[in-house]
Amino acid sequence: MRLEKTASASQRPLRLVTLPEREPGAGEIAIRVEACGVCRTDLHIVEGEVAAAIPIVPGHQAAGRVERVGAGVSGFASEDAVGVGWIASTCGVCRFCTSGRENLCEDAAFTGRDRDGGYAEHMVARAEWVYRLPPGLASPDAAPLLCAGIIGYRSLKQSGIRAGGRLGLFGFGASAHLAIQVARAWGCEVFAFTRHKHHRELARTMGAVWSGEAWEDPGVALDAAVTFAPAGELVPQALSRLDRGAMLAVNAIHMSPIPSFAYEKLYGERAVRSVMNYTRRDAEEFLRLAASIPVRATIETYRLEEANEALLRLQQGRVQGAAVLTIG
């Protein structure tokens, strides 16, 4: 399913096309895609809010099987269960890459934005950015872990939440419903803020001690919070729920403007920190953790040719958990 011109998801801009199957080059792996998660970043790309190298095949939560490997690739064999995430490559030599901060690389390329992604039967990826999947995990269940799960995990780390602390999650979509499982495994009390009733109900069934809308007061001060929805107005609302010295991590690649707010919301050594991409270390840590907890996504499945419908449901806030394209 290829994007040739950006448009609202309501216009169903992805087209089903047949493209030549690529052979893997040196350092690359050809993958038979079995499932691909539908991410809000895909929606931003389709609707033109995040620039992409159009025409492009979106999708950066691809799970499947190794078909062939290119020259110089070792450690992977045919039919290995693997996954591909958001970062497609980094330069490896800049000040960020050489200091353990490859997520900030200024020359990074991204799957489904700069090179064709997983809304397809086959794809090719750089071997160093291909991850082994936990044993026994079916591809549709693994797919949302490859971005929503990993970035949610990094967001928890960036928020500074500690075991047993009070954590606020603002927005309860694909990433938050995976992050809550990690937070609960750490013994945290989770407070879910979301406008959709069905998302509030899902949060409670997944262990949230409280759920409500962003403007509602849970009656306690939070030790940390993460915003997942791309709505700038959530930033001052989330800050108003934080205890002194607490951190708000903002998980968004694109969001609406943040309105001005009284300094008192920030005063008391509260802090706001954005989350940008993730490192391979984050991915490896999270996939091990996901296997041990275990973390499992609530999924809605769609056929590859139904990708437009999945994106539209995501835009409308109707997806419960994560949307996943099943392929092949």
Protein backbone atom coordinates (compact mmCIF):
# COMPACT_ATOMS: atom_id res chain seq x y z
CA MET A 1 0.00 0.00 0.00
CA ARG A 2 1.83 3.07 -1.28
CA LEU A 3 1.41 6.77 -0.55
CA GLU A 4 1.79 8.84 -3.73
CA LYS A 5 0.14 12.06 -2.54
CA THR A 6 -0.60 13.21 1.00
CA ALA A 7 -4.23 13.69 1.97
CA SER A 8 -6.59 13.27 4.90
CA ALA A 9 -7.10 9.67 5.93
CA SER A 10 -10.78 10.19 5.11
CA GLN A 11 -9.76 10.40 1.43
CA ARG A 12 -8.08 6.95 1.63
CA PRO A 13 -4.83 8.07 -0.03
CA LEU A 14 -2.95 4.74 0.01
CA ARG A 15 -3.03 2.76 -3.25
CA LEU A 16 -2.57 -0.99 -3.69
CA VAL A 17 0.31 -1.41 -6.16
CA THR A 18 2.60 -4.17 -7.39
CA LEU A 19 6.31 -3.36 -7.13
CA PRO A 20 9.41 -5.44 -8.02
CA GLU A 21 10.72 -7.43 -5.08
CA ARG A 22 14.04 -5.93 -3.97
CA GLU A 23 17.16 -8.03 -3.50
CA PRO A 24 19.10 -7.26 -0.30
CA GLY A 25 22.29 -5.32 -0.82
CA ALA A 26 25.46 -5.59 1.26
CA GLY A 27 24.54 -5.42 4.94
CA GLU A 28 20.82 -5.81 4.28
CA ILE A 29 18.14 -8.41 4.98
CA ALA A 30 15.10 -9.22 2.83
CA ILE A 31 12.06 -9.92 4.99
CA ARG A 32 8.72 -11.58 4.22
CA VAL A 33 6.34 -9.37 6.16
CA GLU A 34 3.62 -11.17 8.11
CA ALA A 35 2.20 -8.23 10.08
CA CYS A 36 2.72 -4.49 10.40
CA GLY A 37 1.43 -2.22 13.14
CA VAL A 38 -0.38 0.99 12.20
CA CYS A 39 1.20 3.89 14.09
CA ARG A 40 0.06 7.48 14.60
CA THR A 41 3.32 8.51 12.91
CA ASP A 42 2.07 6.71 9.78
CA LEU A 43 -1.04 8.89 9.99
CA HIS A 44 1.09 12.04 10.31
CA ILE A 45 3.04 10.98 7.19
CA VAL A 46 -0.07 10.13 5.18
CA GLU A 47 -1.69 13.46 6.07
CA GLY A 48 1.48 15.48 5.38
CA GLU A 49 2.19 16.58 8.95
CA VAL A 50 5.54 14.74 8.89
CA ALA A 51 7.53 15.10 5.65
CA ALA A 52 8.41 11.90 3.77
CA ALA A 53 10.18 10.80 0.59
CA ILE A 54 7.03 10.35 -1.49
CA PRO A 55 6.15 7.99 -3.11
CA ILE A 56 6.67 5.80 -0.07
CA VAL A 57 5.37 2.56 1.39
CA PRO A 58 4.57 3.44 5.02
CA GLY A 59 4.88 1.19 8.05
CA HIS A 60 7.61 0.85 10.66
CA GLN A 61 6.33 -1.88 12.97
CA ALA A 62 6.97 -4.83 10.66
CA ALA A 63 7.24 -8.41 11.88
CA GLY A 64 8.00 -11.40 9.69
CA ARG A 65 10.58 -13.93 8.54
CA VAL A 66 14.04 -13.62 7.04
CA GLU A 67 14.00 -14.56 3.35
CA ARG A 68 17.52 -13.72 2.18
CA VAL A 69 20.57 -11.91 3.54
CA GLY A 70 23.00 -9.68 1.70
CA ALA A 71 26.77 -9.83 1.63
CA GLY A 72 28.45 -9.35 4.99
CA VAL A 73 25.40 -10.22 7.09
CA SER A 74 25.90 -12.81 9.81
CA GLY A 75 23.80 -14.05 12.69
CA PHE A 76 20.56 -14.33 10.71
CA ALA A 77 19.22 -17.38 8.88
CA SER A 78 16.28 -18.04 6.59
CA GLU A 79 12.93 -18.15 8.44
CA ASP A 80 14.25 -16.43 11.58
CA ALA A 81 11.46 -14.41 13.24
CA VAL A 82 12.46 -10.75 13.07
CA GLY A 83 11.09 -7.25 13.35
CA VAL A 84 11.90 -3.78 12.02
CA GLY A 85 11.18 -0.50 13.79
CA TRP A 86 11.22 3.24 13.12
CA ILE A 87 14.93 3.95 12.68
CA ALA A 88 16.20 2.53 9.39
CA SER A 89 19.82 3.74 9.72
CA THR A 90 22.09 6.25 11.45
CA CYS A 91 25.46 7.68 10.43
CA GLY A 92 27.37 5.97 13.26
CA VAL A 93 30.05 8.67 13.46
CA CYS A 94 28.40 11.88 14.69
CA ARG A 95 28.60 13.27 18.23
CA PHE A 96 25.27 11.63 19.05
CA CYS A 97 26.00 8.19 17.61
CA THR A 98 29.38 7.98 19.32
CA SER A 99 27.98 8.97 22.73
CA GLY A 100 25.15 6.43 23.01
CA ARG A 101 22.53 8.86 21.70
CA GLU A 102 21.95 7.48 18.20
CA ASN A 103 18.26 8.36 18.53
CA LEU A 104 19.34 12.01 18.04
CA CYS A 105 21.45 11.40 14.90
CA GLU A 106 20.92 14.26 12.46
CA ASP A 107 21.56 11.98 9.46
CA ALA A 108 19.20 9.19 10.50
CA ALA A 109 16.80 7.63 8.01
CA PHE A 110 13.43 6.22 9.00
CA THR A 111 11.44 3.18 7.94
CA GLY A 112 8.27 4.09 6.07
CA ARG A 113 9.39 7.71 5.77
CA ASP A 114 12.76 7.65 3.97
CA ARG A 115 12.75 4.05 2.74
CA ASP A 116 9.87 1.71 1.99
CA GLY A 117 8.35 0.11 5.05
CA GLY A 118 6.09 -2.71 6.14
CA TYR A 119 2.74 -2.01 4.47
CA ALA A 120 3.84 -4.65 1.98
CA GLU A 121 4.42 -8.36 1.47
CA HIS A 122 8.19 -7.91 1.32
CA MET A 123 10.69 -5.31 2.53
CA VAL A 124 14.44 -4.82 2.86
CA ALA A 125 16.14 -3.42 5.96
CA ARG A 126 19.64 -2.75 7.27
CA ALA A 127 20.74 -5.79 9.30
CA GLU A 128 21.95 -3.72 12.27
CA TRP A 129 18.41 -2.34 12.68
CA VAL A 130 16.63 -5.70 12.49
CA TYR A 131 15.60 -7.25 15.81
CA ARG A 132 15.10 -10.85 16.79
CA LEU A 133 11.59 -11.42 18.12
CA PRO A 134 10.87 -13.18 21.43
CA PRO A 135 10.20 -16.91 20.93
CA GLY A 136 6.59 -17.99 20.64
CA LEU A 137 5.26 -14.52 19.81
CA ALA A 138 3.08 -14.44 16.68
CA SER A 139 3.86 -11.65 14.21
CA PRO A 140 0.54 -9.74 14.72
CA ASP A 141 1.23 -9.66 18.47
CA ALA A 142 4.88 -8.67 17.97
CA ALA A 143 4.27 -5.83 15.50
CA PRO A 144 3.01 -3.16 17.97
CA LEU A 145 5.96 -3.83 20.26
CA LEU A 146 8.39 -2.61 17.58
CA CYS A 147 7.56 1.08 17.93
CA ALA A 148 4.59 1.68 20.22
CA GLY A 149 6.12 -0.62 22.79
CA ILE A 150 9.72 0.52 22.54
CA ILE A 151 8.96 4.25 22.44
CA GLY A 152 6.56 3.82 25.35
CA TYR A 153 9.34 2.11 27.31
CA ARG A 154 11.79 4.93 26.52
CA SER A 155 9.14 7.46 27.55
CA LEU A 156 8.77 5.77 30.92
CA LYS A 157 12.54 5.96 31.41
CA GLN A 158 12.63 9.62 30.36
CA SER A 159 9.84 10.44 32.82
CA GLY A 160 12.00 9.25 35.69
CA ILE A 161 9.23 7.13 37.18
CA ARG A 162 10.45 4.85 39.95
CA ALA A 163 9.15 1.50 41.09
CA GLY A 164 5.98 2.01 43.13
CA GLY A 165 5.49 5.61 42.01
CA ARG A 166 2.35 7.36 40.84
CA LEU A 167 2.38 7.64 37.04
CA GLY A 168 0.04 9.61 34.78
CA LEU A 169 -0.57 8.54 31.18
CA PHE A 170 -2.26 11.17 29.01
CA GLY A 171 -3.81 9.50 25.99
CA PHE A 172 -4.41 5.76 25.98
CA GLY A 173 -3.72 4.41 22.52
CA ALA A 174 -1.29 1.81 21.20
CA SER A 175 1.79 3.02 23.07
CA ALA A 176 0.15 3.77 26.43
CA HIS A 177 -1.65 0.43 26.60
CA LEU A 178 1.75 -1.28 26.34
CA ALA A 179 3.53 1.16 28.68
CA ILE A 180 0.97 0.52 31.43
CA GLN A 181 1.95 -3.15 31.44
CA VAL A 182 5.59 -2.23 32.12
CA ALA A 183 4.59 0.31 34.77
CA ARG A 184 2.35 -2.20 36.53
CA ALA A 185 5.19 -4.75 36.48
CA TRP A 186 7.29 -2.09 38.27
CA GLY A 187 4.59 -1.76 40.93
CA CYS A 188 3.46 1.71 39.86
CA GLU A 189 0.03 3.18 40.46
CA VAL A 190 -1.20 4.30 37.04
CA PHE A 191 -3.66 7.15 36.40
CA ALA A 192 -5.02 7.26 32.83
CA PHE A 193 -6.28 10.51 31.30
CA THR A 194 -8.12 10.13 27.99
CA ARG A 195 -11.17 11.62 26.32
CA HIS A 196 -12.60 8.36 24.97
CA LYS A 197 -14.78 6.31 27.31
CA HIS A 198 -13.71 3.00 25.74
CA HIS A 199 -10.06 3.90 26.32
CA ARG A 200 -10.78 4.77 29.96
CA GLU A 201 -12.48 1.41 30.40
CA LEU A 202 -9.54 -0.41 28.78
CA ALA A 203 -7.12 1.39 31.11
CA ARG A 204 -9.06 0.24 34.17
CA THR A 205 -9.17 -3.36 32.95
CA MET A 206 -5.39 -3.18 32.47
CA GLY A 207 -4.73 -2.10 36.04
CA ALA A 208 -5.11 1.69 36.18
CA VAL A 209 -6.22 2.75 39.65
CA TRP A 210 -8.05 5.75 38.18
CA SER A 211 -9.15 6.90 34.73
CA GLY A 212 -10.78 10.12 33.62
CA GLU A 213 -10.51 13.05 31.22
CA ALA A 214 -7.47 15.32 31.14
CA TRP A 215 -9.22 18.13 33.00
CA GLU A 216 -10.33 15.86 35.85
CA ASP A 217 -8.47 15.76 39.17
CA PRO A 218 -7.50 12.26 40.38
CA GLY A 219 -7.07 13.62 43.90
CA VAL A 220 -3.34 12.88 44.22
CA ALA A 221 -0.11 14.44 42.95
CA LEU A 222 1.78 12.39 40.35
CA ASP A 223 5.46 11.47 40.58
CA ALA A 224 5.82 11.42 36.76
CA ALA A 225 3.70 11.58 33.63
CA VAL A 226 3.84 10.85 29.91
CA THR A 227 1.71 12.48 27.22
CA PHE A 228 1.01 10.26 24.20
CA ALA A 229 -1.70 12.22 22.36
CA PRO A 230 -0.42 14.87 19.87
CA ALA A 231 -2.36 17.63 21.60
CA GLY A 232 -0.34 20.58 22.92
CA GLU A 233 -3.06 21.56 25.40
CA LEU A 234 -2.27 18.41 27.38
CA VAL A 235 1.12 19.77 28.46
CA PRO A 236 -0.17 22.39 30.94
CA GLN A 237 -2.94 20.02 32.03
CA ALA A 238 -0.40 17.29 32.78
CA LEU A 239 1.91 19.73 34.57
CA SER A 240 -0.93 20.75 36.86
CA ARG A 241 -1.16 17.13 38.08
CA LEU A 242 2.55 16.71 38.89
CA ASP A 243 4.09 16.78 42.35
CA ARG A 244 7.10 19.02 43.01
CA GLY A 245 10.28 17.80 41.34
CA ALA A 246 8.37 15.59 38.87
CA MET A 247 9.01 15.14 35.15
CA LEU A 248 6.61 15.20 32.21
CA ALA A 249 7.84 13.22 29.17
CA VAL A 250 6.22 14.27 25.89
CA ASN A 251 6.01 11.37 23.44
CA ALA A 252 5.15 12.93 20.07
CA ILE A 253 6.84 13.38 16.71
CA HIS A 254 4.29 16.07 15.84
CA MET A 255 1.76 17.91 17.97
CA SER A 256 -0.48 20.95 18.01
CA PRO A 257 0.87 24.18 19.60
CA ILE A 258 1.36 24.23 23.34
CA PRO A 259 -0.69 27.09 24.80
CA SER A 260 0.85 29.58 27.21
CA PHE A 261 0.36 28.76 30.87
CA ALA A 262 1.07 30.25 34.27
CA TYR A 263 4.60 29.77 35.57
CA GLU A 264 3.17 28.27 38.76
CA LYS A 265 2.42 25.06 36.83
CA LEU A 266 6.14 24.63 36.15
CA TYR A 267 7.44 26.07 39.41
CA GLY A 268 8.54 23.64 42.11
CA GLU A 269 11.31 22.11 39.94
CA ARG A 270 8.85 20.39 37.65
CA ALA A 271 10.26 19.70 34.18
CA VAL A 272 9.13 18.90 30.64
CA ARG A 273 11.19 16.69 28.34
CA SER A 274 10.48 15.53 24.80
CA VAL A 275 11.10 11.98 23.62
CA MET A 276 12.77 11.53 20.22
CA ASN A 277 13.02 8.10 18.62
CA TYR A 278 14.80 5.33 20.53
CA THR A 279 18.15 3.54 20.56
CA ARG A 280 18.91 -0.08 19.75
CA ARG A 281 19.63 -0.54 23.45
CA ASP A 282 16.08 0.61 24.25
CA ALA A 283 14.72 -1.88 21.72
CA GLU A 284 16.75 -4.81 23.02
CA GLU A 285 15.91 -4.00 26.67
CA PHE A 286 12.22 -3.67 25.96
CA LEU A 287 11.91 -6.84 23.87
CA ARG A 288 13.58 -8.84 26.66
CA LEU A 289 11.30 -7.19 29.23
CA ALA A 290 8.22 -7.76 27.06
CA ALA A 291 9.02 -11.47 26.91
CA SER A 292 9.53 -11.75 30.66
CA ILE A 293 6.50 -9.76 31.96
CA PRO A 294 4.95 -10.65 29.40
CA VAL A 295 3.70 -7.55 27.56
CA ARG A 296 0.84 -8.28 25.16
CA ALA A 297 -0.93 -5.90 22.83
CA THR A 298 -4.68 -5.63 22.47
CA ILE A 299 -5.01 -5.67 18.69
CA GLU A 300 -7.50 -5.01 15.92
CA THR A 301 -6.45 -6.78 12.71
CA TYR A 302 -6.95 -5.62 9.12
CA ARG A 303 -5.91 -7.04 5.76
CA LEU A 304 -3.14 -5.19 3.91
CA GLU A 305 -5.63 -3.69 1.45
CA GLU A 306 -7.61 -2.30 4.41
CA ALA A 307 -4.76 -0.02 5.51
CA ASN A 308 -6.76 3.11 4.68
CA GLU A 309 -9.60 1.97 6.91
CA ALA A 310 -7.17 1.26 9.78
CA LEU A 311 -5.66 4.75 9.45
CA LEU A 312 -9.11 6.35 9.39
CA ARG A 313 -10.18 4.51 12.54
CA LEU A 314 -6.93 5.63 14.20
CA GLN A 315 -7.59 9.24 13.18
CA GLN A 316 -11.08 9.03 14.68
CA GLY A 317 -9.87 7.50 17.95
CA ARG A 318 -11.85 4.31 17.38
CA VAL A 319 -8.97 1.81 17.64
CA GLN A 320 -8.99 -0.17 20.88
CA GLY A 321 -5.32 -0.89 21.63
CA ALA A 322 -3.32 -1.21 18.41
CA ALA A 323 -4.28 -1.65 14.76
CA VAL A 324 -2.29 -4.31 12.89
CA LEU A 325 -2.20 -5.23 9.21
CA THR A 326 -1.98 -8.99 8.67
CA ILE A 327 -0.17 -9.85 5.46
CA GLY A 328 0.33 -12.92 3.32
